[in-house]
Amino acid sequence: MEVVALLERRGRRACVLCGAGGGRPPKSAAQTAGPPGLAESLILSSGRPIILFPPDRAVSQVRRILVAWNATRESVRAVADALPLLVKADAVEVLIVGDERDAMDQSKEPGADVARHLAYHGAHVGVHRIAPTAKSRPPLLSRAAAFGADLLVMGAYGHSYVSEWMFGGVTRTVFHEADLPVLMSR
């Protein structure tokens, strides 16, 4: 698609790409970014973070930010890309979903390294850990609501895009169900 190719090329020179809604309100943030698959294409190919804005939620300030952390390259990149926002927020929460310590996280306490890094840069940060659940709403989005997050920061497509497309995954779920702005990086 010509529009997608143009945005991918021009997006490489931007600091961040944004998807915003217009006209009749779509059901999710992923539907606000233009042609079907545009936001996914931009995340996969632009090399830049993308912020998806849900169509029915006005955002004037970002005071509370939830960081989805799993110590992968994608989540490291998301934190680096969001750092200017994270250090200005009133509160940042690093969310760890799961009981086991990730092999990529070298600290004794999951999330402690990234929390120290953010605190070093001046962020007011805490770490919260929850067990994965089989509830209808993903724990990541439930925690964002409970925390009162104005923005969710996360890595995108830690598993292959094809795998997420076929079997589902966190990125895809957040694309279709998030009711708050989401900054995604890959």
Foldseek 3Di string as FASTA:
>chain_A
DVVLVVCLVVLLVDQEAEFEADDDFDQFQLVRRDDRCSVVSNQVRNQHKYKGAHHPDDDDAFAEEEQEDDLDPQSVVLCVSCLVNQQPHNEYEYEYEADDRHPNDPDPDPPPVVQVVSVVVRGHYDYDYYYFDPDPQGPQQVVCVVRVGQEYTYEPCPDPPVCCVVPNDDRRSCRRHHNHMYIYHD
